[in-house]
Amino acid sequence: MNKIAKIEVKDQNIITSLQEFLRTLLTKGEIDALLVPQHLPMKNVVMPTLVTDPEKINGADPLAPAFPINAAKLVSRLTRKPLVGGLAAVLRPCEIRAFIELVKLNQGSLEEVVLVSLDCLGAYSNVNYPRFAGEDGIESTLRFYEKIMSGNGAAYEDFDLSPACKSCEYPIPENADLLVGLVGVDTKDHLMVKANTPKGEALLDKLGLAEMGEPKDRKKAIELLVRERITYRDQMFAKTTKSISDLKRLTSYLATCVNCYNCRVACPVCYCKECVFVTDVFDHEPAQYLRWAERKGIIKMPTDTVFYHITRLAHMSTSCVGCGQCSNACPNNVPVMEIFRTIGSYTQKAFNYEPGRSVDDKPPLSVFNEKEFSEVTGGKD
């Protein structure tokens, strides 16, 4: 059984109690730097920050329903080469899964970082979070948390959690070194912190926290949460599949794409130093556009938008962790996440592959299986 300890919640304030836990990581855990979401003083936004001074942890807010960037890329940047000193990163479950995919692609190292995560309650889009938070900062997070945990959902005015969060079936970060449990826990009194790995257990031993058992209601509460999200996910898959069922529908679905490539930049697992779509391959001669227009009488500009997304799907659908940053970054509200998760569900099922589950699972296109897809190749099982 993995070691479980208790984080005391003082004055029923879960945020200040989490901050004290993070401060303890820096002071007692032989951790030199902590990557954690934090309210910035210059503007009421939440961004990943690298903290080395325990006294600078006062703005940390890993429960804020804000998700402006998938920090897996930042952890990749910090661990690509050997570090001097210990690093811990507080990440959402989908960020950990994305980072694991990057590690498989030699873009980071699990040896260089301790991964800390919380049960994920979801986040609003980049547009909607400021509307929800206003100028309240951490107080808005407490309102969000109370609303969610009381069973009243996250809907606010005319918006709700992002579709990526509502359809995420992995809200519990079982592959974190240290898991901070909220679901099924009496969080007015305490939080649960669980070591999932030997590295996490060694760190937990240093913190001097009182041990506890797993709450008896936790498993049932997690099952209920996951069931709700799977129901939403399957409805999303069905709707999206119908919307892109032929080329005409797919073209309509992607009609407002302007080839800004924001989705490629925001994707945590899209790591190529040079993308084919920003090379001379797609720098067409002016006359080419005229020939295309003459052939049909009319063409949409910019061109290649559908081809761009199909190419990304071919590259990324096996590795898509469903974080939703592609949709978050789209200036024209193209539901990019929905199409990637939907197509990804088919390709991942075909390869029996779950992205981000384990660093030991090799990416499907990096291995050869002689008996794979015998129904296509005609070979024997």
Protein backbone atom coordinates (compact mmCIF):
# COMPACT_ATOMS: atom_id res chain seq x y z
CA MET A 1 0.00 0.00 0.00
CA ASN A 2 1.31 3.46 -0.94
CA LYS A 3 2.05 5.80 1.94
CA ILE A 4 -0.71 8.33 2.71
CA ALA A 5 -0.37 11.39 4.94
CA LYS A 6 -2.58 14.25 6.08
CA ILE A 7 -2.37 17.96 5.29
CA GLU A 8 -4.21 19.86 8.01
CA VAL A 9 -6.68 22.47 6.74
CA LYS A 10 -6.51 25.49 9.02
CA ASP A 11 -9.49 27.84 9.42
CA GLN A 12 -11.25 25.81 6.69
CA ASN A 13 -9.11 27.62 4.10
CA ILE A 14 -7.90 25.07 1.61
CA ILE A 15 -5.76 27.52 -0.39
CA THR A 16 -3.63 28.76 2.51
CA SER A 17 -3.24 25.15 3.67
CA LEU A 18 -2.00 24.12 0.20
CA GLN A 19 0.38 27.07 0.21
CA GLU A 20 1.78 25.95 3.55
CA PHE A 21 2.25 22.43 2.15
CA LEU A 22 4.12 23.85 -0.87
CA ARG A 23 6.23 26.01 1.45
CA THR A 24 7.11 22.87 3.41
CA LEU A 25 8.19 21.18 0.16
CA LEU A 26 10.67 24.00 -0.41
CA THR A 27 11.97 24.12 3.15
CA LYS A 28 12.04 20.44 4.16
CA GLY A 29 11.87 18.40 0.96
CA GLU A 30 15.31 19.18 -0.43
CA ILE A 31 13.55 20.96 -3.27
CA ASP A 32 15.36 24.02 -4.62
CA ALA A 33 12.67 25.27 -7.00
CA LEU A 34 8.94 24.77 -7.38
CA LEU A 35 6.99 25.25 -10.61
CA VAL A 36 3.45 26.14 -9.54
CA PRO A 37 0.45 28.11 -10.86
CA GLN A 38 0.42 31.49 -9.16
CA HIS A 39 -1.53 34.74 -9.27
CA LEU A 40 0.73 37.39 -10.76
CA PRO A 41 0.89 40.73 -8.93
CA MET A 42 0.93 42.81 -12.10
CA LYS A 43 -2.43 41.46 -13.32
CA ASN A 44 -5.07 39.14 -11.94
CA VAL A 45 -4.09 36.11 -14.00
CA VAL A 46 -2.75 32.70 -13.01
CA MET A 47 0.43 31.54 -14.72
CA PRO A 48 3.12 28.92 -14.02
CA THR A 49 5.90 30.46 -11.92
CA LEU A 50 9.25 29.11 -10.79
CA VAL A 51 9.58 29.79 -7.07
CA THR A 52 12.77 29.39 -5.03
CA ASP A 53 11.94 31.62 -2.04
CA PRO A 54 9.40 30.01 0.35
CA GLU A 55 8.16 33.52 1.25
CA LYS A 56 7.13 34.07 -2.39
CA ILE A 57 4.60 31.21 -2.31
CA ASN A 58 1.72 33.40 -1.07
CA GLY A 59 0.14 33.73 -4.52
CA ALA A 60 0.27 30.03 -5.35
CA ASP A 61 -3.14 28.70 -6.38
CA PRO A 62 -3.09 25.22 -7.96
CA LEU A 63 -6.89 24.98 -7.56
CA ALA A 64 -7.64 28.09 -9.63
CA PRO A 65 -9.98 27.19 -12.53
CA ALA A 66 -7.53 28.80 -14.95
CA PHE A 67 -5.48 26.88 -17.51
CA PRO A 68 -3.68 29.39 -19.77
CA ILE A 69 -0.92 27.01 -20.83
CA ASN A 70 -0.11 23.31 -20.60
CA ALA A 71 3.02 23.47 -18.45
CA ALA A 72 4.36 20.14 -19.77
CA LYS A 73 6.39 22.15 -22.29
CA LEU A 74 7.90 24.21 -19.49
CA VAL A 75 8.88 21.11 -17.50
CA SER A 76 10.35 19.71 -20.71
CA ARG A 77 12.45 22.84 -21.07
CA LEU A 78 13.61 22.64 -17.45
CA THR A 79 14.55 18.95 -17.53
CA ARG A 80 15.92 18.48 -21.03
CA LYS A 81 19.43 18.81 -19.61
CA PRO A 82 20.74 17.97 -16.12
CA LEU A 83 19.64 20.39 -13.40
CA VAL A 84 21.67 21.78 -10.54
CA GLY A 85 19.33 21.32 -7.59
CA GLY A 86 15.98 19.67 -6.98
CA LEU A 87 12.85 20.64 -8.91
CA ALA A 88 9.20 19.89 -8.13
CA ALA A 89 6.38 20.73 -10.54
CA VAL A 90 2.73 21.12 -9.55
CA LEU A 91 0.80 19.99 -12.63
CA ARG A 92 -2.70 19.03 -13.67
CA PRO A 93 -3.19 15.34 -14.58
CA CYS A 94 -3.27 16.15 -18.31
CA GLU A 95 -0.03 18.11 -17.96
CA ILE A 96 1.66 15.08 -16.40
CA ARG A 97 0.35 12.85 -19.17
CA ALA A 98 1.65 15.28 -21.81
CA PHE A 99 5.04 15.46 -20.08
CA ILE A 100 5.29 11.66 -20.05
CA GLU A 101 4.70 11.69 -23.81
CA LEU A 102 7.48 14.27 -24.20
CA VAL A 103 9.83 12.14 -22.10
CA LYS A 104 9.23 9.25 -24.50
CA LEU A 105 10.26 11.60 -27.32
CA ASN A 106 13.49 12.50 -25.49
CA GLN A 107 12.22 16.01 -24.75
CA GLY A 108 12.55 15.82 -20.97
CA SER A 109 13.50 13.60 -18.06
CA LEU A 110 11.48 12.20 -15.17
CA GLU A 111 14.74 11.84 -13.24
CA GLU A 112 15.09 15.61 -12.98
CA VAL A 113 11.73 16.45 -11.40
CA VAL A 114 9.25 15.44 -8.71
CA LEU A 115 5.70 15.56 -10.10
CA VAL A 116 3.04 16.84 -7.71
CA SER A 117 -0.62 16.96 -8.67
CA LEU A 118 -4.12 17.42 -7.25
CA ASP A 119 -7.44 15.83 -8.12
CA CYS A 120 -8.49 18.03 -11.03
CA LEU A 121 -11.83 19.82 -10.78
CA GLY A 122 -11.44 21.46 -14.19
CA ALA A 123 -10.97 24.97 -15.54
CA TYR A 124 -12.72 27.67 -17.53
CA SER A 125 -11.46 28.84 -20.92
CA ASN A 126 -8.96 31.68 -21.21
CA VAL A 127 -11.83 33.99 -22.19
CA ASN A 128 -14.19 32.95 -19.40
CA TYR A 129 -11.82 32.71 -16.43
CA PRO A 130 -11.32 36.50 -16.11
CA ARG A 131 -15.10 36.93 -16.24
CA PHE A 132 -15.46 34.49 -13.36
CA ALA A 133 -12.54 35.70 -11.25
CA GLY A 134 -12.94 39.44 -11.73
CA GLU A 135 -10.59 41.12 -9.27
CA ASP A 136 -11.13 38.51 -6.55
CA GLY A 137 -8.05 36.37 -7.23
CA ILE A 138 -7.75 33.61 -4.66
CA GLU A 139 -11.20 34.39 -3.24
CA SER A 140 -12.71 33.41 -6.60
CA THR A 141 -10.95 30.03 -6.36
CA LEU A 142 -12.54 29.44 -2.96
CA ARG A 143 -15.96 30.27 -4.46
CA PHE A 144 -15.29 27.86 -7.33
CA TYR A 145 -14.16 25.10 -4.99
CA GLU A 146 -17.16 25.45 -2.66
CA LYS A 147 -19.53 25.43 -5.62
CA ILE A 148 -18.01 22.28 -7.10
CA MET A 149 -17.68 20.34 -3.84
CA SER A 150 -21.22 21.19 -2.74
CA GLY A 151 -22.56 19.47 -5.85
CA ASN A 152 -23.73 22.65 -7.60
CA GLY A 153 -21.46 22.25 -10.61
CA ALA A 154 -19.22 24.89 -12.16
CA ALA A 155 -21.68 26.73 -14.41
CA TYR A 156 -21.46 30.50 -14.01
CA GLU A 157 -23.66 33.02 -15.81
CA ASP A 158 -23.64 31.80 -19.44
CA PHE A 159 -20.59 29.51 -19.38
CA ASP A 160 -19.27 26.34 -17.78
CA LEU A 161 -16.02 24.41 -17.54
CA SER A 162 -14.19 23.98 -20.84
CA PRO A 163 -15.39 20.98 -22.88
CA ALA A 164 -11.92 19.46 -22.51
CA CYS A 165 -12.32 19.36 -18.74
CA LYS A 166 -15.93 18.17 -18.82
CA SER A 167 -14.92 15.24 -21.05
CA CYS A 168 -11.70 14.30 -19.22
CA GLU A 169 -11.90 10.79 -17.77
CA TYR A 170 -8.55 11.12 -15.97
CA PRO A 171 -9.16 13.69 -13.19
CA ILE A 172 -7.15 11.69 -10.64
CA PRO A 173 -3.34 11.97 -11.12
CA GLU A 174 -2.37 8.40 -10.32
CA ASN A 175 0.96 8.81 -12.18
CA ALA A 176 2.11 11.76 -10.04
CA ASP A 177 4.90 11.16 -7.54
CA LEU A 178 2.74 12.92 -4.93
CA LEU A 179 -1.05 13.02 -5.28
CA VAL A 180 -3.05 15.54 -3.23
CA GLY A 181 -6.55 14.09 -2.87
CA LEU A 182 -9.69 16.23 -2.72
CA VAL A 183 -12.47 14.02 -4.05
CA GLY A 184 -14.16 12.02 -1.30
CA VAL A 185 -12.04 13.74 1.37
CA ASP A 186 -13.31 15.89 4.25
CA THR A 187 -11.40 18.93 2.98
CA LYS A 188 -12.76 21.25 5.65
CA ASP A 189 -10.57 19.32 8.07
CA HIS A 190 -7.71 17.91 6.02
CA LEU A 191 -6.33 16.98 2.59
CA MET A 192 -4.90 13.62 1.64
CA VAL A 193 -1.41 13.38 0.17
CA LYS A 194 -0.42 10.03 -1.30
CA ALA A 195 2.97 8.81 -2.53
CA ASN A 196 2.54 6.89 -5.78
CA THR A 197 6.24 6.24 -6.41
CA PRO A 198 9.39 5.52 -4.38
CA LYS A 199 10.53 9.06 -5.22
CA GLY A 200 7.28 10.45 -3.85
CA GLU A 201 7.50 8.30 -0.73
CA ALA A 202 11.05 9.45 -0.02
CA LEU A 203 9.92 13.07 -0.30
CA LEU A 204 6.84 12.50 1.86
CA ASP A 205 9.04 10.99 4.58
CA LYS A 206 10.93 14.27 4.82
CA LEU A 207 7.85 16.44 5.34
CA GLY A 208 6.91 15.17 8.80
CA LEU A 209 3.18 14.88 8.09
CA ALA A 210 0.90 12.63 10.13
CA GLU A 211 -0.09 9.41 8.38
CA MET A 212 -3.69 8.47 7.58
CA GLY A 213 -5.69 5.84 5.71
CA GLU A 214 -7.52 6.36 2.42
CA PRO A 215 -10.98 7.86 3.09
CA LYS A 216 -13.72 5.25 2.76
CA ASP A 217 -15.87 7.47 0.50
CA ARG A 218 -13.10 8.36 -1.92
CA LYS A 219 -13.35 5.43 -4.33
CA LYS A 220 -17.11 5.84 -4.77
CA ALA A 221 -16.80 9.62 -5.25
CA ILE A 222 -14.11 9.15 -7.90
CA GLU A 223 -16.21 6.58 -9.75
CA LEU A 224 -19.16 9.00 -9.84
CA LEU A 225 -17.01 11.86 -11.15
CA VAL A 226 -15.41 9.70 -13.85
CA ARG A 227 -18.80 8.30 -14.90
CA GLU A 228 -20.19 11.82 -15.38
CA ARG A 229 -17.23 12.83 -17.50
CA ILE A 230 -17.34 9.69 -19.63
CA THR A 231 -21.03 10.32 -20.34
CA TYR A 232 -20.24 13.85 -21.53
CA ARG A 233 -17.23 12.58 -23.51
CA ASP A 234 -19.22 9.92 -25.37
CA GLN A 235 -21.92 12.44 -26.28
CA MET A 236 -19.18 14.76 -27.58
CA PHE A 237 -17.63 11.94 -29.61
CA ALA A 238 -20.99 11.09 -31.21
CA LYS A 239 -21.76 14.72 -32.08
CA THR A 240 -18.29 15.38 -33.50
CA THR A 241 -18.21 12.14 -35.49
CA LYS A 242 -21.45 13.16 -37.20
CA SER A 243 -20.13 16.68 -37.85
CA ILE A 244 -17.01 15.44 -39.69
CA SER A 245 -18.40 12.30 -41.32
CA ASP A 246 -17.46 13.35 -44.87
CA LEU A 247 -15.19 15.89 -46.56
CA LYS A 248 -17.97 18.44 -47.01
CA ARG A 249 -18.87 18.34 -43.32
CA LEU A 250 -15.20 18.39 -42.29
CA THR A 251 -14.57 21.44 -44.49
CA SER A 252 -17.53 23.18 -42.92
CA TYR A 253 -16.36 22.23 -39.43
CA LEU A 254 -12.99 23.87 -40.08
CA ALA A 255 -14.30 26.75 -42.22
CA THR A 256 -13.22 29.56 -39.90
CA CYS A 257 -9.63 28.30 -39.54
CA VAL A 258 -7.19 31.05 -40.63
CA ASN A 259 -3.95 29.01 -40.46
CA CYS A 260 -2.64 30.96 -37.48
CA TYR A 261 -1.14 27.70 -36.16
CA ASN A 262 -1.96 28.70 -32.59
CA CYS A 263 -3.21 25.17 -31.94
CA ARG A 264 0.15 23.74 -32.98
CA VAL A 265 2.04 26.17 -30.74
CA ALA A 266 -0.28 25.55 -27.76
CA CYS A 267 -0.20 21.75 -28.08
CA PRO A 268 2.11 20.41 -25.37
CA VAL A 269 3.19 17.36 -27.35
CA CYS A 270 3.81 19.15 -30.68
CA TYR A 271 7.57 19.52 -30.28
CA CYS A 272 9.07 19.68 -33.81
CA LYS A 273 11.60 22.48 -34.15
CA GLU A 274 10.43 23.12 -37.71
CA CYS A 275 6.90 22.41 -38.88
CA VAL A 276 6.38 21.52 -42.54
CA PHE A 277 3.60 24.08 -42.74
CA VAL A 278 5.99 26.96 -42.12
CA THR A 279 8.51 25.80 -44.72
CA ASP A 280 8.71 26.47 -48.44
CA VAL A 281 6.55 23.41 -49.09
CA PHE A 282 3.46 25.52 -48.42
CA ASP A 283 4.85 28.81 -49.70
CA HIS A 284 2.90 28.57 -52.95
CA GLU A 285 3.58 30.67 -56.03
CA PRO A 286 0.97 33.38 -56.67
CA ALA A 287 -0.02 31.76 -59.96
CA GLN A 288 -0.88 28.55 -58.14
CA TYR A 289 -3.70 30.23 -56.25
CA LEU A 290 -5.12 31.51 -59.52
CA ARG A 291 -4.99 28.05 -61.09
CA TRP A 292 -6.84 26.57 -58.12
CA ALA A 293 -9.46 29.30 -58.32
CA GLU A 294 -9.87 28.81 -62.06
CA ARG A 295 -10.37 25.07 -61.58
CA LYS A 296 -13.38 25.51 -59.27
CA GLY A 297 -14.32 29.11 -59.91
CA ILE A 298 -13.74 29.91 -56.22
CA ILE A 299 -11.42 28.88 -53.40
CA LYS A 300 -11.34 29.74 -49.74
CA MET A 301 -8.36 31.77 -48.56
CA PRO A 302 -6.11 30.92 -46.84
CA THR A 303 -5.78 27.52 -48.46
CA ASP A 304 -4.51 24.28 -46.92
CA THR A 305 -6.48 24.68 -43.70
CA VAL A 306 -8.16 21.27 -43.90
CA PHE A 307 -4.93 19.62 -45.02
CA TYR A 308 -3.12 21.25 -42.07
CA HIS A 309 -5.50 19.74 -39.51
CA ILE A 310 -5.51 16.33 -41.21
CA THR A 311 -1.70 16.32 -41.12
CA ARG A 312 -1.68 17.25 -37.42
CA LEU A 313 -4.20 14.49 -36.74
CA ALA A 314 -1.95 11.99 -38.49
CA HIS A 315 0.99 13.15 -36.37
CA MET A 316 -0.69 13.72 -33.03
CA SER A 317 -3.87 11.69 -32.58
CA THR A 318 -2.10 8.80 -30.85
CA SER A 319 -0.47 11.23 -28.39
CA CYS A 320 -3.36 13.63 -27.75
CA VAL A 321 -4.03 13.86 -23.99
CA GLY A 322 -7.16 15.99 -24.42
CA CYS A 323 -5.94 19.04 -22.46
CA GLY A 324 -7.88 21.38 -24.75
CA GLN A 325 -5.17 24.01 -25.19
CA CYS A 326 -5.64 23.84 -28.97
CA SER A 327 -9.21 25.12 -28.62
CA ASN A 328 -8.14 27.54 -25.88
CA ALA A 329 -5.68 29.16 -28.30
CA CYS A 330 -7.98 29.36 -31.34
CA PRO A 331 -8.97 32.96 -32.16
CA ASN A 332 -12.05 31.85 -34.12
CA ASN A 333 -13.43 29.24 -31.69
CA VAL A 334 -12.90 26.25 -33.97
CA PRO A 335 -13.65 23.20 -31.75
CA VAL A 336 -10.20 21.74 -32.35
CA MET A 337 -10.10 19.74 -29.11
CA GLU A 338 -13.30 17.91 -30.00
CA ILE A 339 -11.98 16.68 -33.34
CA PHE A 340 -8.59 15.67 -31.94
CA ARG A 341 -10.09 13.80 -29.00
CA THR A 342 -12.65 12.10 -31.23
CA ILE A 343 -10.18 10.94 -33.87
CA GLY A 344 -7.67 10.20 -31.11
CA SER A 345 -10.17 7.85 -29.45
CA TYR A 346 -10.23 5.74 -32.62
CA THR A 347 -6.47 5.66 -33.24
CA GLN A 348 -5.60 5.08 -29.58
CA LYS A 349 -8.10 2.23 -29.39
CA ALA A 350 -6.72 0.72 -32.60
CA PHE A 351 -3.20 0.65 -31.13
CA ASN A 352 -4.40 -0.22 -27.60
CA TYR A 353 -2.49 2.84 -26.46
CA GLU A 354 -3.24 5.29 -23.66
CA PRO A 355 -1.06 8.41 -24.00
CA GLY A 356 0.65 9.54 -20.81
CA ARG A 357 -0.19 6.43 -18.82
CA SER A 358 3.35 5.17 -18.40
CA VAL A 359 6.78 6.04 -19.71
CA ASP A 360 7.23 2.31 -20.40
CA ASP A 361 4.47 2.31 -23.06
CA LYS A 362 6.22 2.93 -26.37
CA PRO A 363 4.52 5.33 -28.84
CA PRO A 364 2.66 3.17 -31.40
CA LEU A 365 4.50 4.44 -34.47
CA SER A 366 7.91 3.81 -32.90
CA VAL A 367 7.51 0.02 -32.75
CA PHE A 368 6.80 -2.72 -35.28
CA ASN A 369 4.40 -5.53 -34.46
CA GLU A 370 4.44 -8.27 -37.07
CA LYS A 371 0.93 -9.47 -36.24
CA GLU A 372 -0.66 -6.02 -35.97
CA PHE A 373 -3.72 -5.21 -38.11
CA SER A 374 -3.83 -8.63 -39.73
CA GLU A 375 -7.31 -7.82 -41.04
CA VAL A 376 -5.62 -5.24 -43.30
CA THR A 377 -2.32 -6.97 -44.11
CA GLY A 378 -3.84 -10.40 -44.58
CA GLY A 379 -1.35 -12.01 -42.21
CA LYS A 380 -2.25 -14.53 -39.52
CA ASP A 381 -2.85 -13.59 -35.90
